[in-house]
ModelCIF file with pLDDT and N, C-alpha, C, O atoms, coordinates in Angstrom:
data_MODEL
#
_entry.id   MODEL 
#
_entity.id                         1 
_entity.type                       polymer 
_entity.pdbx_number_of_molecules   1 
#
_entity_poly.entity_id                      1 
_entity_poly.type                           'polypeptide(L)' 
_entity_poly.nstd_linkage                   no 
_entity_poly.nstd_monomer                   no 
_entity_poly.pdbx_seq_one_letter_code       
;(UNK)(UNK)(UNK)(UNK)(UNK)(UNK)(UNK)(UNK)(UNK)(UNK)(UNK)(UNK)(UNK)(UNK)(UNK)(UNK)
(UNK)(UNK)(UNK)(UNK)(UNK)(UNK)(UNK)(UNK)(UNK)(UNK)(UNK)(UNK)(UNK)(UNK)
;
_entity_poly.pdbx_seq_one_letter_code_can   XXXXXXXXXXXXXXXXXXXXXXXXXXXXXX 
_entity_poly.pdbx_strand_id                 A 
#
loop_
_entity_poly_seq.entity_id 
_entity_poly_seq.num 
_entity_poly_seq.mon_id 
_entity_poly_seq.hetero 
1 1  UNK n 
1 2  UNK n 
1 3  UNK n 
1 4  UNK n 
1 5  UNK n 
1 6  UNK n 
1 7  UNK n 
1 8  UNK n 
1 9  UNK n 
1 10 UNK n 
1 11 UNK n 
1 12 UNK n 
1 13 UNK n 
1 14 UNK n 
1 15 UNK n 
1 16 UNK n 
1 17 UNK n 
1 18 UNK n 
1 19 UNK n 
1 20 UNK n 
1 21 UNK n 
1 22 UNK n 
1 23 UNK n 
1 24 UNK n 
1 25 UNK n 
1 26 UNK n 
1 27 UNK n 
1 28 UNK n 
1 29 UNK n 
1 30 UNK n 
#
_struct_asym.id          A 
_struct_asym.entity_id   1 
#
loop_
_ma_qa_metric.id 
_ma_qa_metric.mode 
_ma_qa_metric.name 
_ma_qa_metric.software_group_id 
_ma_qa_metric.type 
1 global pLDDT . pLDDT 
2 local  pLDDT . pLDDT 
#
_ma_qa_metric_global.metric_id      1 
_ma_qa_metric_global.metric_value   79.37 
_ma_qa_metric_global.model_id       1 
_ma_qa_metric_global.ordinal_id     1 
#
loop_
_ma_qa_metric_local.label_asym_id 
_ma_qa_metric_local.label_comp_id 
_ma_qa_metric_local.label_seq_id 
_ma_qa_metric_local.metric_id 
_ma_qa_metric_local.metric_value 
_ma_qa_metric_local.model_id 
_ma_qa_metric_local.ordinal_id 
A UNK 1  2 84.00 1 1  
A UNK 2  2 83.00 1 2  
A UNK 3  2 83.00 1 3  
A UNK 4  2 82.00 1 4  
A UNK 5  2 82.00 1 5  
A UNK 6  2 82.00 1 6  
A UNK 7  2 84.00 1 7  
A UNK 8  2 87.00 1 8  
A UNK 9  2 89.00 1 9  
A UNK 10 2 88.00 1 10 
A UNK 11 2 89.00 1 11 
A UNK 12 2 86.00 1 12 
A UNK 13 2 88.00 1 13 
A UNK 14 2 88.00 1 14 
A UNK 15 2 90.00 1 15 
A UNK 16 2 91.00 1 16 
A UNK 17 2 89.00 1 17 
A UNK 18 2 87.00 1 18 
A UNK 19 2 89.00 1 19 
A UNK 20 2 89.00 1 20 
A UNK 21 2 86.00 1 21 
A UNK 22 2 85.00 1 22 
A UNK 23 2 85.00 1 23 
A UNK 24 2 81.00 1 24 
A UNK 25 2 65.00 1 25 
A UNK 26 2 46.00 1 26 
A UNK 27 2 50.00 1 27 
A UNK 28 2 49.00 1 28 
A UNK 29 2 51.00 1 29 
A UNK 30 2 53.00 1 30 
#
loop_
_atom_site.group_PDB 
_atom_site.id 
_atom_site.type_symbol 
_atom_site.label_atom_id 
_atom_site.label_alt_id 
_atom_site.label_comp_id 
_atom_site.label_asym_id 
_atom_site.label_entity_id 
_atom_site.label_seq_id 
_atom_site.pdbx_PDB_ins_code 
_atom_site.Cartn_x 
_atom_site.Cartn_y 
_atom_site.Cartn_z 
_atom_site.occupancy 
_atom_site.B_iso_or_equiv 
_atom_site.pdbx_formal_charge 
_atom_site.auth_seq_id 
_atom_site.auth_comp_id 
_atom_site.auth_asym_id 
_atom_site.auth_atom_id 
_atom_site.pdbx_PDB_model_num 
ATOM 1   N N  . UNK A 1 1  ? 0.894  -1.398  -0.032 1.00 84.00 ? 1  UNK A N  1 
ATOM 2   C CA . UNK A 1 1  ? 0.121  0.225   -0.040 1.00 84.00 ? 1  UNK A CA 1 
ATOM 3   C C  . UNK A 1 1  ? 0.791  1.392   -0.147 1.00 84.00 ? 1  UNK A C  1 
ATOM 4   O O  . UNK A 1 1  ? 1.463  1.833   0.785  1.00 84.00 ? 1  UNK A O  1 
ATOM 5   N N  . UNK A 1 2  ? 0.685  1.907   -1.128 1.00 83.00 ? 2  UNK A N  1 
ATOM 6   C CA . UNK A 1 2  ? 1.243  3.568   -0.896 1.00 83.00 ? 2  UNK A CA 1 
ATOM 7   C C  . UNK A 1 2  ? 1.059  4.617   -0.061 1.00 83.00 ? 2  UNK A C  1 
ATOM 8   O O  . UNK A 1 2  ? -0.048 4.994   -0.446 1.00 83.00 ? 2  UNK A O  1 
ATOM 9   N N  . UNK A 1 3  ? 1.407  5.446   0.924  1.00 83.00 ? 3  UNK A N  1 
ATOM 10  C CA . UNK A 1 3  ? 1.486  6.082   1.512  1.00 83.00 ? 3  UNK A CA 1 
ATOM 11  C C  . UNK A 1 3  ? 1.388  7.718   1.229  1.00 83.00 ? 3  UNK A C  1 
ATOM 12  O O  . UNK A 1 3  ? 2.170  8.114   0.365  1.00 83.00 ? 3  UNK A O  1 
ATOM 13  N N  . UNK A 1 4  ? 0.796  8.412   1.653  1.00 82.00 ? 4  UNK A N  1 
ATOM 14  C CA . UNK A 1 4  ? 0.534  9.592   1.396  1.00 82.00 ? 4  UNK A CA 1 
ATOM 15  C C  . UNK A 1 4  ? 1.861  10.617  1.039  1.00 82.00 ? 4  UNK A C  1 
ATOM 16  O O  . UNK A 1 4  ? 2.130  11.388  0.117  1.00 82.00 ? 4  UNK A O  1 
ATOM 17  N N  . UNK A 1 5  ? 2.452  10.232  2.148  1.00 82.00 ? 5  UNK A N  1 
ATOM 18  C CA . UNK A 1 5  ? 4.048  10.550  2.357  1.00 82.00 ? 5  UNK A CA 1 
ATOM 19  C C  . UNK A 1 5  ? 5.112  10.375  1.144  1.00 82.00 ? 5  UNK A C  1 
ATOM 20  O O  . UNK A 1 5  ? 6.082  11.105  0.939  1.00 82.00 ? 5  UNK A O  1 
ATOM 21  N N  . UNK A 1 6  ? 4.687  9.165   0.331  1.00 82.00 ? 6  UNK A N  1 
ATOM 22  C CA . UNK A 1 6  ? 5.784  8.706   -0.756 1.00 82.00 ? 6  UNK A CA 1 
ATOM 23  C C  . UNK A 1 6  ? 5.894  7.385   -0.267 1.00 82.00 ? 6  UNK A C  1 
ATOM 24  O O  . UNK A 1 6  ? 6.234  6.617   -1.167 1.00 82.00 ? 6  UNK A O  1 
ATOM 25  N N  . UNK A 1 7  ? 5.704  6.746   1.015  1.00 84.00 ? 7  UNK A N  1 
ATOM 26  C CA . UNK A 1 7  ? 6.528  5.758   1.652  1.00 84.00 ? 7  UNK A CA 1 
ATOM 27  C C  . UNK A 1 7  ? 5.488  4.572   1.436  1.00 84.00 ? 7  UNK A C  1 
ATOM 28  O O  . UNK A 1 7  ? 4.341  4.827   1.069  1.00 84.00 ? 7  UNK A O  1 
ATOM 29  N N  . UNK A 1 8  ? 5.819  3.566   1.618  1.00 87.00 ? 8  UNK A N  1 
ATOM 30  C CA . UNK A 1 8  ? 4.632  2.262   1.459  1.00 87.00 ? 8  UNK A CA 1 
ATOM 31  C C  . UNK A 1 8  ? 5.141  1.559   2.300  1.00 87.00 ? 8  UNK A C  1 
ATOM 32  O O  . UNK A 1 8  ? 6.176  1.732   2.944  1.00 87.00 ? 8  UNK A O  1 
ATOM 33  N N  . UNK A 1 9  ? 4.199  0.502   2.315  1.00 89.00 ? 9  UNK A N  1 
ATOM 34  C CA . UNK A 1 9  ? 4.123  -0.786  3.078  1.00 89.00 ? 9  UNK A CA 1 
ATOM 35  C C  . UNK A 1 9  ? 3.936  -1.795  2.299  1.00 89.00 ? 9  UNK A C  1 
ATOM 36  O O  . UNK A 1 9  ? 3.316  -1.762  1.236  1.00 89.00 ? 9  UNK A O  1 
ATOM 37  N N  . UNK A 1 10 ? 4.685  -3.138  2.997  1.00 88.00 ? 10 UNK A N  1 
ATOM 38  C CA . UNK A 1 10 ? 4.529  -4.411  2.223  1.00 88.00 ? 10 UNK A CA 1 
ATOM 39  C C  . UNK A 1 10 ? 4.388  -5.453  3.842  1.00 88.00 ? 10 UNK A C  1 
ATOM 40  O O  . UNK A 1 10 ? 4.706  -5.211  5.007  1.00 88.00 ? 10 UNK A O  1 
ATOM 41  N N  . UNK A 1 11 ? 3.757  -6.643  3.163  1.00 89.00 ? 11 UNK A N  1 
ATOM 42  C CA . UNK A 1 11 ? 3.542  -7.380  4.300  1.00 89.00 ? 11 UNK A CA 1 
ATOM 43  C C  . UNK A 1 11 ? 3.413  -8.782  3.251  1.00 89.00 ? 11 UNK A C  1 
ATOM 44  O O  . UNK A 1 11 ? 3.053  -8.588  2.090  1.00 89.00 ? 11 UNK A O  1 
ATOM 45  N N  . UNK A 1 12 ? 3.715  -10.145 3.708  1.00 86.00 ? 12 UNK A N  1 
ATOM 46  C CA . UNK A 1 12 ? 3.361  -11.034 3.466  1.00 86.00 ? 12 UNK A CA 1 
ATOM 47  C C  . UNK A 1 12 ? 2.186  -11.264 2.671  1.00 86.00 ? 12 UNK A C  1 
ATOM 48  O O  . UNK A 1 12 ? 2.267  -11.621 1.496  1.00 86.00 ? 12 UNK A O  1 
ATOM 49  N N  . UNK A 1 13 ? 1.097  -11.073 3.269  1.00 88.00 ? 13 UNK A N  1 
ATOM 50  C CA . UNK A 1 13 ? -0.281 -11.030 2.542  1.00 88.00 ? 13 UNK A CA 1 
ATOM 51  C C  . UNK A 1 13 ? -1.125 -9.662  2.559  1.00 88.00 ? 13 UNK A C  1 
ATOM 52  O O  . UNK A 1 13 ? -0.717 -8.713  3.229  1.00 88.00 ? 13 UNK A O  1 
ATOM 53  N N  . UNK A 1 14 ? -2.290 -9.581  1.820  1.00 88.00 ? 14 UNK A N  1 
ATOM 54  C CA . UNK A 1 14 ? -2.830 -8.665  1.528  1.00 88.00 ? 14 UNK A CA 1 
ATOM 55  C C  . UNK A 1 14 ? -3.289 -7.933  3.067  1.00 88.00 ? 14 UNK A C  1 
ATOM 56  O O  . UNK A 1 14 ? -2.914 -6.798  3.361  1.00 88.00 ? 14 UNK A O  1 
ATOM 57  N N  . UNK A 1 15 ? -4.030 -8.656  3.845  1.00 90.00 ? 15 UNK A N  1 
ATOM 58  C CA . UNK A 1 15 ? -4.660 -8.542  5.253  1.00 90.00 ? 15 UNK A CA 1 
ATOM 59  C C  . UNK A 1 15 ? -3.761 -7.888  5.801  1.00 90.00 ? 15 UNK A C  1 
ATOM 60  O O  . UNK A 1 15 ? -4.100 -6.738  6.082  1.00 90.00 ? 15 UNK A O  1 
ATOM 61  N N  . UNK A 1 16 ? -2.297 -8.293  6.179  1.00 91.00 ? 16 UNK A N  1 
ATOM 62  C CA . UNK A 1 16 ? -1.355 -8.046  6.744  1.00 91.00 ? 16 UNK A CA 1 
ATOM 63  C C  . UNK A 1 16 ? -1.029 -6.369  6.185  1.00 91.00 ? 16 UNK A C  1 
ATOM 64  O O  . UNK A 1 16 ? -1.089 -5.417  6.963  1.00 91.00 ? 16 UNK A O  1 
ATOM 65  N N  . UNK A 1 17 ? -0.741 -6.248  4.958  1.00 89.00 ? 17 UNK A N  1 
ATOM 66  C CA . UNK A 1 17 ? 0.025  -5.045  4.328  1.00 89.00 ? 17 UNK A CA 1 
ATOM 67  C C  . UNK A 1 17 ? -1.413 -4.059  4.805  1.00 89.00 ? 17 UNK A C  1 
ATOM 68  O O  . UNK A 1 17 ? -1.368 -3.172  5.658  1.00 89.00 ? 17 UNK A O  1 
ATOM 69  N N  . UNK A 1 18 ? -2.562 -4.437  4.086  1.00 87.00 ? 18 UNK A N  1 
ATOM 70  C CA . UNK A 1 18 ? -3.907 -3.090  4.879  1.00 87.00 ? 18 UNK A CA 1 
ATOM 71  C C  . UNK A 1 18 ? -3.991 -2.865  6.037  1.00 87.00 ? 18 UNK A C  1 
ATOM 72  O O  . UNK A 1 18 ? -4.344 -1.748  6.415  1.00 87.00 ? 18 UNK A O  1 
ATOM 73  N N  . UNK A 1 19 ? -3.622 -4.089  7.110  1.00 89.00 ? 19 UNK A N  1 
ATOM 74  C CA . UNK A 1 19 ? -3.469 -3.683  8.619  1.00 89.00 ? 19 UNK A CA 1 
ATOM 75  C C  . UNK A 1 19 ? -2.448 -2.589  9.214  1.00 89.00 ? 19 UNK A C  1 
ATOM 76  O O  . UNK A 1 19 ? -2.682 -1.720  10.054 1.00 89.00 ? 19 UNK A O  1 
ATOM 77  N N  . UNK A 1 20 ? -1.237 -2.884  8.531  1.00 89.00 ? 20 UNK A N  1 
ATOM 78  C CA . UNK A 1 20 ? -0.030 -1.823  8.556  1.00 89.00 ? 20 UNK A CA 1 
ATOM 79  C C  . UNK A 1 20 ? -0.813 -0.460  8.181  1.00 89.00 ? 20 UNK A C  1 
ATOM 80  O O  . UNK A 1 20 ? -1.109 0.498   8.895  1.00 89.00 ? 20 UNK A O  1 
ATOM 81  N N  . UNK A 1 21 ? -1.058 -0.724  6.730  1.00 86.00 ? 21 UNK A N  1 
ATOM 82  C CA . UNK A 1 21 ? -1.441 0.620   6.408  1.00 86.00 ? 21 UNK A CA 1 
ATOM 83  C C  . UNK A 1 21 ? -2.199 1.381   6.831  1.00 86.00 ? 21 UNK A C  1 
ATOM 84  O O  . UNK A 1 21 ? -2.038 2.553   6.490  1.00 86.00 ? 21 UNK A O  1 
ATOM 85  N N  . UNK A 1 22 ? -3.252 1.068   7.676  1.00 85.00 ? 22 UNK A N  1 
ATOM 86  C CA . UNK A 1 22 ? -4.365 1.311   8.188  1.00 85.00 ? 22 UNK A CA 1 
ATOM 87  C C  . UNK A 1 22 ? -3.949 2.343   9.202  1.00 85.00 ? 22 UNK A C  1 
ATOM 88  O O  . UNK A 1 22 ? -4.335 3.498   9.385  1.00 85.00 ? 22 UNK A O  1 
ATOM 89  N N  . UNK A 1 23 ? -2.709 1.312   10.038 1.00 85.00 ? 23 UNK A N  1 
ATOM 90  C CA . UNK A 1 23 ? -2.086 2.156   11.300 1.00 85.00 ? 23 UNK A CA 1 
ATOM 91  C C  . UNK A 1 23 ? -1.620 3.334   10.769 1.00 85.00 ? 23 UNK A C  1 
ATOM 92  O O  . UNK A 1 23 ? -1.441 4.229   11.595 1.00 85.00 ? 23 UNK A O  1 
ATOM 93  N N  . UNK A 1 24 ? -1.336 3.621   9.445  1.00 81.00 ? 24 UNK A N  1 
ATOM 94  C CA . UNK A 1 24 ? -0.677 4.469   9.307  1.00 81.00 ? 24 UNK A CA 1 
ATOM 95  C C  . UNK A 1 24 ? -1.375 5.817   8.718  1.00 81.00 ? 24 UNK A C  1 
ATOM 96  O O  . UNK A 1 24 ? -0.729 6.835   8.472  1.00 81.00 ? 24 UNK A O  1 
ATOM 97  N N  . UNK A 1 25 ? -2.493 5.716   8.563  1.00 65.00 ? 25 UNK A N  1 
ATOM 98  C CA . UNK A 1 25 ? -3.811 6.175   7.996  1.00 65.00 ? 25 UNK A CA 1 
ATOM 99  C C  . UNK A 1 25 ? -3.863 6.493   6.356  1.00 65.00 ? 25 UNK A C  1 
ATOM 100 O O  . UNK A 1 25 ? -4.246 7.567   5.894  1.00 65.00 ? 25 UNK A O  1 
ATOM 101 N N  . UNK A 1 26 ? -3.497 5.585   5.726  1.00 46.00 ? 26 UNK A N  1 
ATOM 102 C CA . UNK A 1 26 ? -3.462 5.300   4.568  1.00 46.00 ? 26 UNK A CA 1 
ATOM 103 C C  . UNK A 1 26 ? -4.993 6.130   3.485  1.00 46.00 ? 26 UNK A C  1 
ATOM 104 O O  . UNK A 1 26 ? -6.188 6.006   3.755  1.00 46.00 ? 26 UNK A O  1 
ATOM 105 N N  . UNK A 1 27 ? -4.487 6.793   2.488  1.00 50.00 ? 27 UNK A N  1 
ATOM 106 C CA . UNK A 1 27 ? -5.409 7.614   1.990  1.00 50.00 ? 27 UNK A CA 1 
ATOM 107 C C  . UNK A 1 27 ? -5.516 6.841   0.610  1.00 50.00 ? 27 UNK A C  1 
ATOM 108 O O  . UNK A 1 27 ? -6.502 6.126   0.430  1.00 50.00 ? 27 UNK A O  1 
ATOM 109 N N  . UNK A 1 28 ? -4.326 6.976   -0.594 1.00 49.00 ? 28 UNK A N  1 
ATOM 110 C CA . UNK A 1 28 ? -4.877 6.338   -1.352 1.00 49.00 ? 28 UNK A CA 1 
ATOM 111 C C  . UNK A 1 28 ? -4.374 4.531   -1.432 1.00 49.00 ? 28 UNK A C  1 
ATOM 112 O O  . UNK A 1 28 ? -3.374 4.058   -0.890 1.00 49.00 ? 28 UNK A O  1 
ATOM 113 N N  . UNK A 1 29 ? -5.156 3.953   -2.070 1.00 51.00 ? 29 UNK A N  1 
ATOM 114 C CA . UNK A 1 29 ? -4.620 2.260   -1.704 1.00 51.00 ? 29 UNK A CA 1 
ATOM 115 C C  . UNK A 1 29 ? -4.678 2.145   -3.524 1.00 51.00 ? 29 UNK A C  1 
ATOM 116 O O  . UNK A 1 29 ? -5.566 2.528   -4.286 1.00 51.00 ? 29 UNK A O  1 
ATOM 117 N N  . UNK A 1 30 ? -3.440 1.504   -3.806 1.00 53.00 ? 30 UNK A N  1 
ATOM 118 C CA . UNK A 1 30 ? -3.070 1.100   -4.975 1.00 53.00 ? 30 UNK A CA 1 
ATOM 119 C C  . UNK A 1 30 ? -2.698 -0.552  -4.930 1.00 53.00 ? 30 UNK A C  1 
ATOM 120 O O  . UNK A 1 30 ? -2.323 -1.128  -5.951 1.00 53.00 ? 30 UNK A O  1 
#
């Protein structure tokens, strides 16, 4: 998941990546 500040989060599964991204208040999901 790409974060608004230009960084991103990655994980082994989509669910884990989404969980990490939500912790960082993701706006844009690609």
